[in-house]
Amino acid sequence: MPNHLPTLDRRKFLSRMSTGLAATALTQLVSRDAFGEVVRHHQPTAKRVIFLYMSGGPSQFESFDDKPLLRERNNKPIPKELTEGIKLAFLQNAE
């Protein structure tokens, strides 16, 4: 019977376990103040939560990729062939 589980040698095992133990220790340290007393956090008072799920990535204008065509067309009107037959709110008073 073939074994489909990946092999995990001792070094990888100890590396993964140490990361988990460090995270556990960090949560314990963060929950205490400088004198070792347990920090009492305030009780949340939120009654409702608004959860927004937006599929897709960031807008192409909000990324830091170089956009030479956008730089070239900056402060120029939109070409007529792109807006032909389309009513756009921001072009209502444009000629």
PDB file of N, CA and C in Angstrom:
ATOM      1  N   MET A   1       0.853  -1.180   0.000  1.00  0.00           N
ATOM      2  CA  MET A   1       0.000   0.000   0.000  1.00  0.00           C
ATOM      3  C   MET A   1       0.897   1.241   0.000  1.00  0.00           C
ATOM      4  N   PRO A   2       0.735   2.144  -0.970  1.00  0.00           N
ATOM      5  CA  PRO A   2       1.588   3.319  -1.038  1.00  0.00           C
ATOM      6  C   PRO A   2       1.242   4.336   0.050  1.00  0.00           C
ATOM      7  N   ASN A   3       2.264   4.994   0.542  1.00  0.00           N
ATOM      8  CA  ASN A   3       2.077   6.017   1.574  1.00  0.00           C
ATOM      9  C   ASN A   3       2.006   7.376   0.902  1.00  0.00           C
ATOM     10  N   HIS A   4       0.865   8.066   1.015  1.00  0.00           N
ATOM     11  CA  HIS A   4       0.668   9.355   0.368  1.00  0.00           C
ATOM     12  C   HIS A   4       1.006  10.525   1.289  1.00  0.00           C
ATOM     13  N   LEU A   5       1.376  10.247   2.525  1.00  0.00           N
ATOM     14  CA  LEU A   5       1.709  11.321   3.444  1.00  0.00           C
ATOM     15  C   LEU A   5       3.132  11.796   3.181  1.00  0.00           C
ATOM     16  N   PRO A   6       3.369  13.095   3.247  1.00  0.00           N
ATOM     17  CA  PRO A   6       4.726  13.589   3.026  1.00  0.00           C
ATOM     18  C   PRO A   6       5.629  13.189   4.194  1.00  0.00           C
ATOM     19  N   THR A   7       6.866  12.948   3.891  1.00  0.00           N
ATOM     20  CA  THR A   7       7.802  12.592   4.943  1.00  0.00           C
ATOM     21  C   THR A   7       8.199  13.849   5.707  1.00  0.00           C
ATOM     22  N   LEU A   8       8.369  13.702   6.980  1.00  0.00           N
ATOM     23  CA  LEU A   8       8.725  14.820   7.839  1.00  0.00           C
ATOM     24  C   LEU A   8       9.928  14.399   8.667  1.00  0.00           C
ATOM     25  N   ASP A   9      11.079  14.954   8.343  1.00  0.00           N
ATOM     26  CA  ASP A   9      12.271  14.572   9.092  1.00  0.00           C
ATOM     27  C   ASP A   9      12.316  15.329  10.423  1.00  0.00           C
ATOM     28  N   ARG A  10      13.248  14.988  11.251  1.00  0.00           N
ATOM     29  CA  ARG A  10      13.345  15.529  12.607  1.00  0.00           C
ATOM     30  C   ARG A  10      13.530  17.050  12.590  1.00  0.00           C
ATOM     31  N   ARG A  11      14.340  17.539  11.679  1.00  0.00           N
ATOM     32  CA  ARG A  11      14.623  18.975  11.619  1.00  0.00           C
ATOM     33  C   ARG A  11      13.367  19.774  11.284  1.00  0.00           C
ATOM     34  N   LYS A  12      12.598  19.308  10.298  1.00  0.00           N
ATOM     35  CA  LYS A  12      11.368  20.005   9.929  1.00  0.00           C
ATOM     36  C   LYS A  12      10.341  19.929  11.066  1.00  0.00           C
ATOM     37  N   PHE A  13      10.252  18.775  11.700  1.00  0.00           N
ATOM     38  CA  PHE A  13       9.318  18.601  12.806  1.00  0.00           C
ATOM     39  C   PHE A  13       9.625  19.576  13.937  1.00  0.00           C
ATOM     40  N   LEU A  14      10.906  19.646  14.347  1.00  0.00           N
ATOM     41  CA  LEU A  14      11.272  20.533  15.444  1.00  0.00           C
ATOM     42  C   LEU A  14      11.083  22.000  15.061  1.00  0.00           C
ATOM     43  N   SER A  15      11.324  22.345  13.801  1.00  0.00           N
ATOM     44  CA  SER A  15      11.135  23.708  13.350  1.00  0.00           C
ATOM     45  C   SER A  15       9.667  24.107  13.422  1.00  0.00           C
ATOM     46  N   ARG A  16       8.807  23.245  12.959  1.00  0.00           N
ATOM     47  CA  ARG A  16       7.367  23.546  12.992  1.00  0.00           C
ATOM     48  C   ARG A  16       6.835  23.580  14.424  1.00  0.00           C
ATOM     49  N   MET A  17       7.292  22.685  15.247  1.00  0.00           N
ATOM     50  CA  MET A  17       6.824  22.647  16.633  1.00  0.00           C
ATOM     51  C   MET A  17       7.311  23.862  17.406  1.00  0.00           C
ATOM     52  N   SER A  18       8.537  24.304  17.150  1.00  0.00           N
ATOM     53  CA  SER A  18       9.062  25.455  17.883  1.00  0.00           C
ATOM     54  C   SER A  18       8.294  26.719  17.519  1.00  0.00           C
ATOM     55  N   THR A  19       7.856  26.822  16.286  1.00  0.00           N
ATOM     56  CA  THR A  19       7.063  27.985  15.886  1.00  0.00           C
ATOM     57  C   THR A  19       5.736  28.004  16.639  1.00  0.00           C
ATOM     58  N   GLY A  20       5.099  26.871  16.746  1.00  0.00           N
ATOM     59  CA  GLY A  20       3.834  26.788  17.474  1.00  0.00           C
ATOM     60  C   GLY A  20       4.000  27.067  18.952  1.00  0.00           C
ATOM     61  N   LEU A  21       5.078  26.559  19.543  1.00  0.00           N
ATOM     62  CA  LEU A  21       5.328  26.802  20.960  1.00  0.00           C
ATOM     63  C   LEU A  21       5.661  28.271  21.210  1.00  0.00           C
ATOM     64  N   ALA A  22       6.404  28.881  20.292  1.00  0.00           N
ATOM     65  CA  ALA A  22       6.735  30.298  20.451  1.00  0.00           C
ATOM     66  C   ALA A  22       5.479  31.151  20.372  1.00  0.00           C
ATOM     67  N   ALA A  23       4.569  30.824  19.487  1.00  0.00           N
ATOM     68  CA  ALA A  23       3.323  31.574  19.375  1.00  0.00           C
ATOM     69  C   ALA A  23       2.480  31.433  20.635  1.00  0.00           C
ATOM     70  N   THR A  24       2.452  30.244  21.195  1.00  0.00           N
ATOM     71  CA  THR A  24       1.708  30.014  22.434  1.00  0.00           C
ATOM     72  C   THR A  24       2.317  30.804  23.582  1.00  0.00           C
ATOM     73  N   ALA A  25       3.643  30.800  23.676  1.00  0.00           N
ATOM     74  CA  ALA A  25       4.318  31.553  24.732  1.00  0.00           C
ATOM     75  C   ALA A  25       4.094  33.049  24.564  1.00  0.00           C
ATOM     76  N   LEU A  26       4.107  33.521  23.339  1.00  0.00           N
ATOM     77  CA  LEU A  26       3.907  34.940  23.090  1.00  0.00           C
ATOM     78  C   LEU A  26       2.525  35.393  23.532  1.00  0.00           C
ATOM     79  N   THR A  27       1.512  34.600  23.287  1.00  0.00           N
ATOM     80  CA  THR A  27       0.168  34.987  23.715  1.00  0.00           C
ATOM     81  C   THR A  27       0.087  35.070  25.237  1.00  0.00           C
ATOM     82  N   GLN A  28       0.800  34.196  25.928  1.00  0.00           N
ATOM     83  CA  GLN A  28       0.809  34.248  27.385  1.00  0.00           C
ATOM     84  C   GLN A  28       1.550  35.487  27.885  1.00  0.00           C
ATOM     85  N   LEU A  29       2.654  35.830  27.224  1.00  0.00           N
ATOM     86  CA  LEU A  29       3.426  37.001  27.642  1.00  0.00           C
ATOM     87  C   LEU A  29       2.681  38.299  27.362  1.00  0.00           C
ATOM     88  N   VAL A  30       1.984  38.363  26.252  1.00  0.00           N
ATOM     89  CA  VAL A  30       1.259  39.570  25.891  1.00  0.00           C
ATOM     90  C   VAL A  30       0.074  39.794  26.817  1.00  0.00           C
ATOM     91  N   SER A  31      -0.483  38.741  27.341  1.00  0.00           N
ATOM     92  CA  SER A  31      -1.662  38.882  28.187  1.00  0.00           C
ATOM     93  C   SER A  31      -1.318  39.293  29.616  1.00  0.00           C
ATOM     94  N   ARG A  32      -0.038  39.506  29.898  1.00  0.00           N
ATOM     95  CA  ARG A  32       0.380  39.931  31.242  1.00  0.00           C
ATOM     96  C   ARG A  32       1.059  41.293  31.164  1.00  0.00           C
ATOM     97  N   ASP A  33       0.941  42.076  32.225  1.00  0.00           N
ATOM     98  CA  ASP A  33       1.599  43.378  32.239  1.00  0.00           C
ATOM     99  C   ASP A  33       3.035  43.237  32.739  1.00  0.00           C
ATOM    100  N   ALA A  34       3.701  44.358  33.008  1.00  0.00           N
ATOM    101  CA  ALA A  34       5.114  44.346  33.395  1.00  0.00           C
ATOM    102  C   ALA A  34       5.344  43.661  34.741  1.00  0.00           C
ATOM    103  N   PHE A  35       4.332  43.589  35.592  1.00  0.00           N
ATOM    104  CA  PHE A  35       4.485  42.981  36.911  1.00  0.00           C
ATOM    105  C   PHE A  35       3.988  41.544  36.958  1.00  0.00           C
ATOM    106  N   GLY A  36       3.631  40.993  35.816  1.00  0.00           N
ATOM    107  CA  GLY A  36       3.193  39.606  35.758  1.00  0.00           C
ATOM    108  C   GLY A  36       1.723  39.408  36.040  1.00  0.00           C
ATOM    109  N   GLU A  37       1.012  40.512  36.265  1.00  0.00           N
ATOM    110  CA  GLU A  37      -0.421  40.405  36.519  1.00  0.00           C
ATOM    111  C   GLU A  37      -1.162  40.200  35.209  1.00  0.00           C
ATOM    112  N   VAL A  38      -2.208  39.421  35.242  1.00  0.00           N
ATOM    113  CA  VAL A  38      -3.008  39.186  34.048  1.00  0.00           C
ATOM    114  C   VAL A  38      -3.745  40.472  33.697  1.00  0.00           C
ATOM    115  N   VAL A  39      -3.634  40.885  32.458  1.00  0.00           N
ATOM    116  CA  VAL A  39      -4.283  42.108  31.989  1.00  0.00           C
ATOM    117  C   VAL A  39      -5.760  41.832  31.760  1.00  0.00           C
ATOM    118  N   ARG A  40      -6.592  42.683  32.343  1.00  0.00           N
ATOM    119  CA  ARG A  40      -8.040  42.547  32.157  1.00  0.00           C
ATOM    120  C   ARG A  40      -8.447  43.431  30.986  1.00  0.00           C
ATOM    121  N   HIS A  41      -8.928  42.825  29.934  1.00  0.00           N
ATOM    122  CA  HIS A  41      -9.375  43.578  28.771  1.00  0.00           C
ATOM    123  C   HIS A  41     -10.834  43.970  28.964  1.00  0.00           C
ATOM    124  N   HIS A  42     -11.211  45.088  28.354  1.00  0.00           N
ATOM    125  CA  HIS A  42     -12.600  45.537  28.466  1.00  0.00           C
ATOM    126  C   HIS A  42     -13.521  44.588  27.703  1.00  0.00           C
ATOM    127  N   GLN A  43     -14.721  44.511  28.162  1.00  0.00           N
ATOM    128  CA  GLN A  43     -15.708  43.673  27.496  1.00  0.00           C
ATOM    129  C   GLN A  43     -16.189  44.388  26.241  1.00  0.00           C
ATOM    130  N   PRO A  44     -16.274  43.699  25.120  1.00  0.00           N
ATOM    131  CA  PRO A  44     -16.777  44.342  23.901  1.00  0.00           C
ATOM    132  C   PRO A  44     -18.242  44.729  24.057  1.00  0.00           C
ATOM    133  N   THR A  45     -18.591  45.883  23.491  1.00  0.00           N
ATOM    134  CA  THR A  45     -19.962  46.370  23.611  1.00  0.00           C
ATOM    135  C   THR A  45     -20.677  46.445  22.267  1.00  0.00           C
ATOM    136  N   ALA A  46     -20.059  45.948  21.212  1.00  0.00           N
ATOM    137  CA  ALA A  46     -20.676  46.015  19.888  1.00  0.00           C
ATOM    138  C   ALA A  46     -21.923  45.138  19.841  1.00  0.00           C
ATOM    139  N   LYS A  47     -22.964  45.687  19.279  1.00  0.00           N
ATOM    140  CA  LYS A  47     -24.213  44.941  19.125  1.00  0.00           C
ATOM    141  C   LYS A  47     -24.306  44.285  17.754  1.00  0.00           C
ATOM    142  N   ARG A  48     -23.717  44.946  16.755  1.00  0.00           N
ATOM    143  CA  ARG A  48     -23.781  44.435  15.387  1.00  0.00           C
ATOM    144  C   ARG A  48     -22.428  44.624  14.718  1.00  0.00           C
ATOM    145  N   VAL A  49     -22.183  43.820  13.719  1.00  0.00           N
ATOM    146  CA  VAL A  49     -20.942  43.905  12.956  1.00  0.00           C
ATOM    147  C   VAL A  49     -21.301  43.951  11.483  1.00  0.00           C
ATOM    148  N   ILE A  50     -20.650  44.840  10.758  1.00  0.00           N
ATOM    149  CA  ILE A  50     -20.842  44.897   9.313  1.00  0.00           C
ATOM    150  C   ILE A  50     -19.667  44.167   8.686  1.00  0.00           C
ATOM    151  N   PHE A  51     -19.949  43.111   7.976  1.00  0.00           N
ATOM    152  CA  PHE A  51     -18.913  42.312   7.333  1.00  0.00           C
ATOM    153  C   PHE A  51     -19.016  42.517   5.834  1.00  0.00           C
ATOM    154  N   LEU A  52     -17.981  43.060   5.250  1.00  0.00           N
ATOM    155  CA  LEU A  52     -17.964  43.299   3.815  1.00  0.00           C
ATOM    156  C   LEU A  52     -17.062  42.277   3.150  1.00  0.00           C
ATOM    157  N   TYR A  53     -17.600  41.557   2.209  1.00  0.00           N
ATOM    158  CA  TYR A  53     -16.796  40.616   1.432  1.00  0.00           C
ATOM    159  C   TYR A  53     -16.737  41.131   0.010  1.00  0.00           C
ATOM    160  N   MET A  54     -15.546  41.469  -0.418  1.00  0.00           N
ATOM    161  CA  MET A  54     -15.370  41.993  -1.766  1.00  0.00           C
ATOM    162  C   MET A  54     -14.398  41.095  -2.503  1.00  0.00           C
ATOM    163  N   SER A  55     -14.903  40.397  -3.481  1.00  0.00           N
ATOM    164  CA  SER A  55     -14.034  39.487  -4.210  1.00  0.00           C
ATOM    165  C   SER A  55     -13.111  40.269  -5.125  1.00  0.00           C
ATOM    166  N   GLY A  56     -12.004  39.674  -5.441  1.00  0.00           N
ATOM    167  CA  GLY A  56     -11.049  40.327  -6.324  1.00  0.00           C
ATOM    168  C   GLY A  56      -9.962  41.035  -5.542  1.00  0.00           C
ATOM    169  N   GLY A  57      -9.021  41.553  -6.255  1.00  0.00           N
ATOM    170  CA  GLY A  57      -7.892  42.225  -5.641  1.00  0.00           C
ATOM    171  C   GLY A  57      -8.096  43.730  -5.595  1.00  0.00           C
ATOM    172  N   PRO A  58      -7.036  44.454  -5.292  1.00  0.00           N
ATOM    173  CA  PRO A  58      -7.157  45.908  -5.257  1.00  0.00           C
ATOM    174  C   PRO A  58      -7.346  46.479  -6.654  1.00  0.00           C
ATOM    175  N   SER A  59      -7.846  47.693  -6.687  1.00  0.00           N
ATOM    176  CA  SER A  59      -8.035  48.376  -7.965  1.00  0.00           C
ATOM    177  C   SER A  59      -6.697  48.545  -8.660  1.00  0.00           C
ATOM    178  N   GLN A  60      -6.718  48.582  -9.979  1.00  0.00           N
ATOM    179  CA  GLN A  60      -5.473  48.745 -10.718  1.00  0.00           C
ATOM    180  C   GLN A  60      -4.839  50.100 -10.436  1.00  0.00           C
ATOM    181  N   PHE A  61      -5.630  51.063  -9.964  1.00  0.00           N
ATOM    182  CA  PHE A  61      -5.087  52.380  -9.652  1.00  0.00           C
ATOM    183  C   PHE A  61      -4.464  52.420  -8.266  1.00  0.00           C
ATOM    184  N   GLU A  62      -4.796  51.465  -7.396  1.00  0.00           N
ATOM    185  CA  GLU A  62      -4.266  51.456  -6.042  1.00  0.00           C
ATOM    186  C   GLU A  62      -3.035  50.578  -5.897  1.00  0.00           C
ATOM    187  N   SER A  63      -2.646  49.884  -6.940  1.00  0.00           N
ATOM    188  CA  SER A  63      -1.434  49.070  -6.864  1.00  0.00           C
ATOM    189  C   SER A  63      -0.239  49.937  -7.236  1.00  0.00           C
ATOM    190  N   PHE A  64       0.940  49.457  -6.939  1.00  0.00           N
ATOM    191  CA  PHE A  64       2.144  50.232  -7.181  1.00  0.00           C
ATOM    192  C   PHE A  64       2.833  49.833  -8.481  1.00  0.00           C
ATOM    193  N   ASP A  65       2.129  49.111  -9.355  1.00  0.00           N
ATOM    194  CA  ASP A  65       2.703  48.737 -10.643  1.00  0.00           C
ATOM    195  C   ASP A  65       2.846  49.967 -11.526  1.00  0.00           C
ATOM    196  N   ASP A  66       3.892  49.973 -12.336  1.00  0.00           N
ATOM    197  CA  ASP A  66       4.106  51.084 -13.261  1.00  0.00           C
ATOM    198  C   ASP A  66       3.044  51.042 -14.362  1.00  0.00           C
ATOM    199  N   LYS A  67       2.448  52.200 -14.650  1.00  0.00           N
ATOM    200  CA  LYS A  67       1.402  52.297 -15.667  1.00  0.00           C
ATOM    201  C   LYS A  67       1.777  53.406 -16.639  1.00  0.00           C
ATOM    202  N   PRO A  68       2.616  53.106 -17.627  1.00  0.00           N
ATOM    203  CA  PRO A  68       3.069  54.152 -18.538  1.00  0.00           C
ATOM    204  C   PRO A  68       1.940  54.771 -19.364  1.00  0.00           C
ATOM    205  N   LEU A  69       0.964  53.982 -19.795  1.00  0.00           N
ATOM    206  CA  LEU A  69      -0.145  54.515 -20.582  1.00  0.00           C
ATOM    207  C   LEU A  69      -1.005  55.455 -19.744  1.00  0.00           C
ATOM    208  N   LEU A  70      -1.206  55.105 -18.478  1.00  0.00           N
ATOM    209  CA  LEU A  70      -1.971  55.972 -17.581  1.00  0.00           C
ATOM    210  C   LEU A  70      -1.231  57.289 -17.365  1.00  0.00           C
ATOM    211  N   ARG A  71       0.071  57.217 -17.211  1.00  0.00           N
ATOM    212  CA  ARG A  71       0.877  58.427 -17.043  1.00  0.00           C
ATOM    213  C   ARG A  71       0.822  59.288 -18.318  1.00  0.00           C
ATOM    214  N   GLU A  72       0.839  58.645 -19.484  1.00  0.00           N
ATOM    215  CA  GLU A  72       0.795  59.349 -20.762  1.00  0.00           C
ATOM    216  C   GLU A  72      -0.548  60.049 -20.978  1.00  0.00           C
ATOM    217  N   ARG A  73      -1.643  59.414 -20.545  1.00  0.00           N
ATOM    218  CA  ARG A  73      -2.980  59.970 -20.773  1.00  0.00           C
ATOM    219  C   ARG A  73      -3.492  60.815 -19.615  1.00  0.00           C
ATOM    220  N   ASN A  74      -2.641  61.112 -18.640  1.00  0.00           N
ATOM    221  CA  ASN A  74      -3.048  61.905 -17.491  1.00  0.00           C
ATOM    222  C   ASN A  74      -3.487  63.299 -17.930  1.00  0.00           C
ATOM    223  N   ASN A  75      -4.613  63.782 -17.390  1.00  0.00           N
ATOM    224  CA  ASN A  75      -5.192  65.104 -17.672  1.00  0.00           C
ATOM    225  C   ASN A  75      -5.605  65.294 -19.125  1.00  0.00           C
ATOM    226  N   LYS A  76      -5.840  64.216 -19.833  1.00  0.00           N
ATOM    227  CA  LYS A  76      -6.349  64.308 -21.200  1.00  0.00           C
ATOM    228  C   LYS A  76      -7.766  63.760 -21.211  1.00  0.00           C
ATOM    229  N   PRO A  77      -8.622  64.232 -22.126  1.00  0.00           N
ATOM    230  CA  PRO A  77      -9.994  63.705 -22.166  1.00  0.00           C
ATOM    231  C   PRO A  77     -10.023  62.238 -22.601  1.00  0.00           C
ATOM    232  N   ILE A  78     -11.104  61.573 -22.207  1.00  0.00           N
ATOM    233  CA  ILE A  78     -11.272  60.169 -22.583  1.00  0.00           C
ATOM    234  C   ILE A  78     -11.483  60.104 -24.087  1.00  0.00           C
ATOM    235  N   PRO A  79     -10.803  59.188 -24.787  1.00  0.00           N
ATOM    236  CA  PRO A  79     -10.995  59.078 -26.239  1.00  0.00           C
ATOM    237  C   PRO A  79     -12.460  58.772 -26.579  1.00  0.00           C
ATOM    238  N   LYS A  80     -12.960  59.387 -27.664  1.00  0.00           N
ATOM    239  CA  LYS A  80     -14.359  59.230 -28.074  1.00  0.00           C
ATOM    240  C   LYS A  80     -14.730  57.778 -28.340  1.00  0.00           C
ATOM    241  N   GLU A  81     -13.807  56.990 -28.886  1.00  0.00           N
ATOM    242  CA  GLU A  81     -14.139  55.589 -29.195  1.00  0.00           C
ATOM    243  C   GLU A  81     -14.422  54.759 -27.948  1.00  0.00           C
ATOM    244  N   LEU A  82     -13.937  55.211 -26.768  1.00  0.00           N
ATOM    245  CA  LEU A  82     -14.207  54.481 -25.530  1.00  0.00           C
ATOM    246  C   LEU A  82     -15.551  54.843 -24.912  1.00  0.00           C
ATOM    247  N   THR A  83     -16.053  56.042 -25.201  1.00  0.00           N
ATOM    248  CA  THR A  83     -17.308  56.488 -24.586  1.00  0.00           C
ATOM    249  C   THR A  83     -18.476  56.540 -25.567  1.00  0.00           C
ATOM    250  N   GLU A  84     -18.259  56.132 -26.775  1.00  0.00           N
ATOM    251  CA  GLU A  84     -19.298  56.192 -27.804  1.00  0.00           C
ATOM    252  C   GLU A  84     -20.486  55.306 -27.433  1.00  0.00           C
ATOM    253  N   GLY A  85     -21.665  55.900 -27.317  1.00  0.00           N
ATOM    254  CA  GLY A  85     -22.887  55.153 -27.020  1.00  0.00           C
ATOM    255  C   GLY A  85     -23.071  54.802 -25.558  1.00  0.00           C
ATOM    256  N   ILE A  86     -22.221  55.312 -24.685  1.00  0.00           N
ATOM    257  CA  ILE A  86     -22.315  55.010 -23.260  1.00  0.00           C
ATOM    258  C   ILE A  86     -22.605  56.296 -22.507  1.00  0.00           C
ATOM    259  N   LYS A  87     -23.598  56.256 -21.600  1.00  0.00           N
ATOM    260  CA  LYS A  87     -23.902  57.417 -20.768  1.00  0.00           C
ATOM    261  C   LYS A  87     -23.207  57.242 -19.427  1.00  0.00           C
ATOM    262  N   LEU A  88     -22.283  58.133 -19.149  1.00  0.00           N
ATOM    263  CA  LEU A  88     -21.563  58.110 -17.886  1.00  0.00           C
ATOM    264  C   LEU A  88     -21.894  59.379 -17.114  1.00  0.00           C
ATOM    265  N   ALA A  89     -22.109  59.254 -15.796  1.00  0.00           N
ATOM    266  CA  ALA A  89     -22.525  60.385 -14.988  1.00  0.00           C
ATOM    267  C   ALA A  89     -21.508  61.510 -14.999  1.00  0.00           C
ATOM    268  N   PHE A  90     -20.230  61.177 -14.982  1.00  0.00           N
ATOM    269  CA  PHE A  90     -19.224  62.227 -14.912  1.00  0.00           C
ATOM    270  C   PHE A  90     -18.961  62.893 -16.275  1.00  0.00           C
ATOM    271  N   LEU A  91     -19.622  62.431 -17.335  1.00  0.00           N
ATOM    272  CA  LEU A  91     -19.458  63.029 -18.660  1.00  0.00           C
ATOM    273  C   LEU A  91     -20.712  63.767 -19.133  1.00  0.00           C
ATOM    274  N   GLN A  92     -21.663  64.029 -18.270  1.00  0.00           N
ATOM    275  CA  GLN A  92     -22.926  64.616 -18.674  1.00  0.00           C
ATOM    276  C   GLN A  92     -22.749  66.018 -19.254  1.00  0.00           C
ATOM    277  N   ASN A  93     -21.883  66.823 -18.676  1.00  0.00           N
ATOM    278  CA  ASN A  93     -21.702  68.199 -19.135  1.00  0.00           C
ATOM    279  C   ASN A  93     -20.474  68.344 -20.020  1.00  0.00           C
ATOM    280  N   ALA A  94     -19.801  67.260 -20.316  1.00  0.00           N
ATOM    281  CA  ALA A  94     -18.607  67.337 -21.157  1.00  0.00           C
ATOM    282  C   ALA A  94     -19.014  67.358 -22.621  1.00  0.00           C
ATOM    283  N   GLU A  95     -18.203  67.980 -23.428  1.00  0.00           N
ATOM    284  CA  GLU A  95     -18.514  68.045 -24.875  1.00  0.00           C
ATOM    285  C   GLU A  95     -17.887  66.893 -25.606  1.00  0.00           C
TER     286      GLU A  95
END
